[in-house]
Amino acid sequence: MQNRIEVFKQMLAAEPENTMVMFGLAKEYEKLGQNGDVIALLESYLARADDEGNAYGMLAKAYEHNGEREKARATYEKGIAVSVAHGHPSMAGDYQMTLDLDYAD
């Protein structure tokens, strides 16, 4: 796993604006539970990429794991809007279900 992370880091160093590499590295950090790194990378990624919704779910989960419920809620809400706009209603439905079940306070 660490080898993959090093490869992604090298690729990102060579092409700092490469959003595909950012997303790939974030996935590797997610597998290791490195939520701070996931958050930093996905925030940067989302500032640059036209994501179709998947990154919002990853980012929201990382916020959840860090105890940042309001940021997680807002991220799920944004993910719903983006998913619908890109024609992914099932992803939007999954995010809405998470909000309804886990954030109904």
N, C-alpha and C. Protein backbone atom coordinates (compact mmCIF):
# COMPACT_ATOMS: atom_id res chain seq x y z
N MET A 1 0.83 -1.19 0.00
CA MET A 1 0.00 0.00 0.00
C MET A 1 0.87 1.25 0.00
N GLN A 2 1.89 1.25 0.83
CA GLN A 2 2.77 2.42 0.92
C GLN A 2 3.45 2.71 -0.41
N ASN A 3 3.78 1.65 -1.16
CA ASN A 3 4.37 1.84 -2.48
C ASN A 3 3.43 2.61 -3.40
N ARG A 4 2.16 2.25 -3.36
CA ARG A 4 1.17 2.94 -4.20
C ARG A 4 1.09 4.41 -3.82
N ILE A 5 1.12 4.68 -2.54
CA ILE A 5 1.07 6.07 -2.07
C ILE A 5 2.28 6.83 -2.57
N GLU A 6 3.44 6.23 -2.48
CA GLU A 6 4.66 6.90 -2.95
C GLU A 6 4.60 7.17 -4.45
N VAL A 7 4.08 6.23 -5.20
CA VAL A 7 3.94 6.43 -6.65
C VAL A 7 3.00 7.59 -6.93
N PHE A 8 1.85 7.62 -6.26
CA PHE A 8 0.91 8.72 -6.46
C PHE A 8 1.53 10.06 -6.05
N LYS A 9 2.27 10.08 -4.96
CA LYS A 9 2.92 11.32 -4.52
C LYS A 9 3.92 11.81 -5.56
N GLN A 10 4.68 10.90 -6.13
CA GLN A 10 5.64 11.28 -7.17
C GLN A 10 4.91 11.82 -8.40
N MET A 11 3.84 11.16 -8.78
CA MET A 11 3.06 11.62 -9.92
C MET A 11 2.48 13.01 -9.65
N LEU A 12 2.00 13.23 -8.44
CA LEU A 12 1.42 14.52 -8.08
C LEU A 12 2.48 15.60 -8.02
N ALA A 13 3.67 15.25 -7.57
CA ALA A 13 4.77 16.22 -7.55
C ALA A 13 5.12 16.66 -8.97
N ALA A 14 5.06 15.73 -9.90
CA ALA A 14 5.36 16.03 -11.30
C ALA A 14 4.23 16.83 -11.96
N GLU A 15 2.99 16.56 -11.55
CA GLU A 15 1.81 17.24 -12.12
C GLU A 15 0.86 17.64 -10.99
N PRO A 16 1.15 18.73 -10.29
CA PRO A 16 0.35 19.10 -9.11
C PRO A 16 -1.12 19.39 -9.38
N GLU A 17 -1.50 19.64 -10.61
CA GLU A 17 -2.89 19.93 -10.93
C GLU A 17 -3.64 18.72 -11.48
N ASN A 18 -3.01 17.56 -11.48
CA ASN A 18 -3.62 16.36 -12.04
C ASN A 18 -4.68 15.83 -11.08
N THR A 19 -5.94 16.10 -11.40
CA THR A 19 -7.03 15.74 -10.49
C THR A 19 -7.23 14.23 -10.39
N MET A 20 -6.93 13.50 -11.45
CA MET A 20 -7.07 12.04 -11.38
C MET A 20 -6.08 11.46 -10.37
N VAL A 21 -4.89 12.00 -10.34
CA VAL A 21 -3.89 11.54 -9.38
C VAL A 21 -4.30 11.93 -7.96
N MET A 22 -4.83 13.14 -7.80
CA MET A 22 -5.32 13.56 -6.47
C MET A 22 -6.36 12.59 -5.95
N PHE A 23 -7.32 12.25 -6.82
CA PHE A 23 -8.39 11.35 -6.42
C PHE A 23 -7.83 9.97 -6.08
N GLY A 24 -6.92 9.47 -6.88
CA GLY A 24 -6.31 8.16 -6.62
C GLY A 24 -5.57 8.13 -5.31
N LEU A 25 -4.81 9.19 -5.03
CA LEU A 25 -4.08 9.26 -3.76
C LEU A 25 -5.05 9.34 -2.59
N ALA A 26 -6.12 10.11 -2.76
CA ALA A 26 -7.13 10.19 -1.70
C ALA A 26 -7.74 8.82 -1.41
N LYS A 27 -8.00 8.02 -2.46
CA LYS A 27 -8.52 6.66 -2.26
C LYS A 27 -7.55 5.81 -1.45
N GLU A 28 -6.27 5.94 -1.74
CA GLU A 28 -5.27 5.16 -0.99
C GLU A 28 -5.25 5.59 0.47
N TYR A 29 -5.31 6.88 0.73
CA TYR A 29 -5.36 7.37 2.11
C TYR A 29 -6.64 6.89 2.80
N GLU A 30 -7.73 6.87 2.06
CA GLU A 30 -9.00 6.40 2.63
C GLU A 30 -8.87 4.96 3.11
N LYS A 31 -8.23 4.11 2.32
CA LYS A 31 -8.03 2.70 2.69
C LYS A 31 -7.27 2.57 4.00
N LEU A 32 -6.38 3.52 4.27
CA LEU A 32 -5.57 3.47 5.48
C LEU A 32 -6.20 4.22 6.65
N GLY A 33 -7.35 4.86 6.40
CA GLY A 33 -8.01 5.61 7.46
C GLY A 33 -7.32 6.92 7.79
N GLN A 34 -6.57 7.46 6.85
CA GLN A 34 -5.87 8.73 7.07
C GLN A 34 -6.79 9.87 6.64
N ASN A 35 -7.76 10.14 7.51
CA ASN A 35 -8.84 11.07 7.17
C ASN A 35 -8.37 12.50 6.94
N GLY A 36 -7.40 12.95 7.67
CA GLY A 36 -6.88 14.30 7.45
C GLY A 36 -6.31 14.46 6.05
N ASP A 37 -5.59 13.45 5.59
CA ASP A 37 -5.03 13.49 4.24
C ASP A 37 -6.13 13.39 3.19
N VAL A 38 -7.14 12.57 3.45
CA VAL A 38 -8.28 12.45 2.53
C VAL A 38 -8.95 13.82 2.38
N ILE A 39 -9.21 14.46 3.50
CA ILE A 39 -9.88 15.76 3.50
C ILE A 39 -9.07 16.79 2.72
N ALA A 40 -7.79 16.90 3.02
CA ALA A 40 -6.94 17.88 2.34
C ALA A 40 -6.92 17.66 0.83
N LEU A 41 -6.74 16.41 0.42
CA LEU A 41 -6.67 16.12 -1.01
C LEU A 41 -8.00 16.34 -1.71
N LEU A 42 -9.09 15.88 -1.10
CA LEU A 42 -10.38 16.02 -1.76
C LEU A 42 -10.87 17.46 -1.79
N GLU A 43 -10.54 18.24 -0.79
CA GLU A 43 -10.88 19.67 -0.86
C GLU A 43 -10.15 20.32 -2.03
N SER A 44 -8.89 19.98 -2.20
CA SER A 44 -8.10 20.50 -3.32
C SER A 44 -8.65 19.98 -4.64
N TYR A 45 -8.95 18.69 -4.68
CA TYR A 45 -9.51 18.06 -5.87
C TYR A 45 -10.81 18.74 -6.30
N LEU A 46 -11.73 18.93 -5.34
CA LEU A 46 -13.04 19.49 -5.65
C LEU A 46 -12.95 20.96 -6.06
N ALA A 47 -11.90 21.65 -5.65
CA ALA A 47 -11.70 23.03 -6.08
C ALA A 47 -11.27 23.10 -7.54
N ARG A 48 -10.80 21.96 -8.09
CA ARG A 48 -10.27 21.94 -9.45
C ARG A 48 -11.08 21.08 -10.43
N ALA A 49 -11.77 20.08 -9.93
CA ALA A 49 -12.37 19.06 -10.81
C ALA A 49 -13.89 19.22 -10.91
N ASP A 50 -14.42 18.74 -12.01
CA ASP A 50 -15.87 18.65 -12.17
C ASP A 50 -16.27 17.23 -11.77
N ASP A 51 -16.34 17.02 -10.47
CA ASP A 51 -16.66 15.69 -9.95
C ASP A 51 -18.14 15.40 -10.15
N GLU A 52 -18.45 14.13 -10.34
CA GLU A 52 -19.84 13.73 -10.57
C GLU A 52 -20.55 13.30 -9.30
N GLY A 53 -19.89 13.38 -8.17
CA GLY A 53 -20.54 13.10 -6.90
C GLY A 53 -19.78 12.18 -5.97
N ASN A 54 -18.98 11.28 -6.51
CA ASN A 54 -18.30 10.28 -5.68
C ASN A 54 -17.37 10.90 -4.64
N ALA A 55 -16.64 11.92 -5.03
CA ALA A 55 -15.68 12.53 -4.09
C ALA A 55 -16.40 13.16 -2.90
N TYR A 56 -17.62 13.64 -3.13
CA TYR A 56 -18.36 14.25 -2.02
C TYR A 56 -18.69 13.21 -0.95
N GLY A 57 -19.04 12.01 -1.36
CA GLY A 57 -19.31 10.95 -0.39
C GLY A 57 -18.06 10.57 0.39
N MET A 58 -16.94 10.46 -0.33
CA MET A 58 -15.67 10.14 0.35
C MET A 58 -15.30 11.23 1.34
N LEU A 59 -15.45 12.48 0.92
CA LEU A 59 -15.09 13.61 1.78
C LEU A 59 -16.01 13.66 2.99
N ALA A 60 -17.30 13.46 2.78
CA ALA A 60 -18.25 13.48 3.90
C ALA A 60 -17.91 12.40 4.93
N LYS A 61 -17.56 11.21 4.45
CA LYS A 61 -17.19 10.13 5.38
C LYS A 61 -15.93 10.48 6.16
N ALA A 62 -14.98 11.10 5.50
CA ALA A 62 -13.75 11.51 6.20
C ALA A 62 -14.07 12.55 7.27
N TYR A 63 -14.96 13.50 6.94
CA TYR A 63 -15.39 14.47 7.95
C TYR A 63 -16.08 13.76 9.11
N GLU A 64 -16.94 12.79 8.80
CA GLU A 64 -17.63 12.03 9.85
C GLU A 64 -16.63 11.38 10.79
N HIS A 65 -15.63 10.71 10.21
CA HIS A 65 -14.63 10.02 11.02
C HIS A 65 -13.82 10.99 11.88
N ASN A 66 -13.73 12.23 11.44
CA ASN A 66 -13.01 13.24 12.22
C ASN A 66 -13.93 13.97 13.20
N GLY A 67 -15.21 13.57 13.25
CA GLY A 67 -16.15 14.19 14.18
C GLY A 67 -16.68 15.53 13.70
N GLU A 68 -16.54 15.83 12.43
CA GLU A 68 -17.00 17.11 11.88
C GLU A 68 -18.35 16.91 11.18
N ARG A 69 -19.40 16.73 12.01
CA ARG A 69 -20.72 16.37 11.48
C ARG A 69 -21.34 17.44 10.59
N GLU A 70 -21.19 18.69 10.94
CA GLU A 70 -21.80 19.75 10.13
C GLU A 70 -21.14 19.83 8.76
N LYS A 71 -19.83 19.68 8.72
CA LYS A 71 -19.15 19.67 7.42
C LYS A 71 -19.56 18.44 6.62
N ALA A 72 -19.71 17.31 7.30
CA ALA A 72 -20.15 16.09 6.62
C ALA A 72 -21.54 16.29 6.04
N ARG A 73 -22.45 16.84 6.83
CA ARG A 73 -23.82 17.08 6.36
C ARG A 73 -23.82 17.99 5.13
N ALA A 74 -23.10 19.09 5.20
CA ALA A 74 -23.05 20.04 4.08
C ALA A 74 -22.44 19.38 2.84
N THR A 75 -21.47 18.52 3.05
CA THR A 75 -20.82 17.84 1.93
C THR A 75 -21.76 16.83 1.29
N TYR A 76 -22.52 16.10 2.09
CA TYR A 76 -23.52 15.19 1.53
C TYR A 76 -24.56 15.99 0.72
N GLU A 77 -24.99 17.12 1.25
CA GLU A 77 -25.98 17.94 0.55
C GLU A 77 -25.43 18.41 -0.80
N LYS A 78 -24.20 18.86 -0.82
CA LYS A 78 -23.57 19.27 -2.08
C LYS A 78 -23.44 18.07 -3.01
N GLY A 79 -23.08 16.92 -2.46
CA GLY A 79 -22.96 15.70 -3.25
C GLY A 79 -24.28 15.29 -3.90
N ILE A 80 -25.38 15.51 -3.20
CA ILE A 80 -26.70 15.22 -3.77
C ILE A 80 -26.94 16.10 -4.99
N ALA A 81 -26.71 17.39 -4.85
CA ALA A 81 -26.93 18.32 -5.96
C ALA A 81 -26.05 17.98 -7.16
N VAL A 82 -24.79 17.69 -6.90
CA VAL A 82 -23.85 17.37 -7.98
C VAL A 82 -24.23 16.05 -8.65
N SER A 83 -24.57 15.06 -7.86
CA SER A 83 -24.95 13.75 -8.40
C SER A 83 -26.17 13.85 -9.31
N VAL A 84 -27.16 14.59 -8.87
CA VAL A 84 -28.37 14.77 -9.67
C VAL A 84 -28.02 15.51 -10.97
N ALA A 85 -27.20 16.55 -10.86
CA ALA A 85 -26.83 17.34 -12.04
C ALA A 85 -26.10 16.49 -13.08
N HIS A 86 -25.39 15.47 -12.62
CA HIS A 86 -24.62 14.61 -13.52
C HIS A 86 -25.35 13.31 -13.87
N GLY A 87 -26.62 13.23 -13.50
CA GLY A 87 -27.42 12.07 -13.88
C GLY A 87 -27.13 10.81 -13.08
N HIS A 88 -26.83 10.99 -11.80
CA HIS A 88 -26.58 9.85 -10.91
C HIS A 88 -27.58 9.85 -9.76
N PRO A 89 -28.85 9.59 -10.06
CA PRO A 89 -29.87 9.67 -9.01
C PRO A 89 -29.70 8.63 -7.91
N SER A 90 -29.14 7.46 -8.22
CA SER A 90 -28.97 6.46 -7.16
C SER A 90 -27.92 6.91 -6.15
N MET A 91 -26.87 7.56 -6.62
CA MET A 91 -25.86 8.10 -5.70
C MET A 91 -26.49 9.19 -4.84
N ALA A 92 -27.26 10.06 -5.46
CA ALA A 92 -27.95 11.11 -4.71
C ALA A 92 -28.88 10.49 -3.67
N GLY A 93 -29.58 9.42 -4.06
CA GLY A 93 -30.46 8.73 -3.13
C GLY A 93 -29.73 8.12 -1.96
N ASP A 94 -28.56 7.56 -2.22
CA ASP A 94 -27.73 7.00 -1.13
C ASP A 94 -27.33 8.09 -0.15
N TYR A 95 -26.90 9.23 -0.69
CA TYR A 95 -26.50 10.34 0.18
C TYR A 95 -27.69 10.86 0.98
N GLN A 96 -28.85 10.95 0.32
CA GLN A 96 -30.05 11.43 1.02
C GLN A 96 -30.45 10.46 2.12
N MET A 97 -30.34 9.17 1.86
CA MET A 97 -30.67 8.17 2.88
C MET A 97 -29.72 8.31 4.08
N THR A 98 -28.45 8.54 3.82
CA THR A 98 -27.50 8.75 4.90
C THR A 98 -27.90 9.96 5.73
N LEU A 99 -28.26 11.04 5.07
CA LEU A 99 -28.71 12.23 5.80
C LEU A 99 -29.96 11.93 6.62
N ASP A 100 -30.92 11.24 6.02
CA ASP A 100 -32.17 10.95 6.70
C ASP A 100 -31.96 10.03 7.91
N LEU A 101 -31.08 9.06 7.77
CA LEU A 101 -30.89 8.08 8.85
C LEU A 101 -29.88 8.53 9.92
N ASP A 102 -28.80 9.14 9.48
CA ASP A 102 -27.71 9.45 10.41
C ASP A 102 -27.67 10.90 10.87
N TYR A 103 -28.41 11.76 10.20
CA TYR A 103 -28.33 13.19 10.52
C TYR A 103 -29.70 13.78 10.83
N ALA A 104 -30.64 12.96 11.18
CA ALA A 104 -32.00 13.42 11.49
C ALA A 104 -32.09 13.85 12.95
N ASP A 105 -31.36 14.90 13.30
CA ASP A 105 -31.41 15.35 14.69
C ASP A 105 -32.07 16.67 14.82
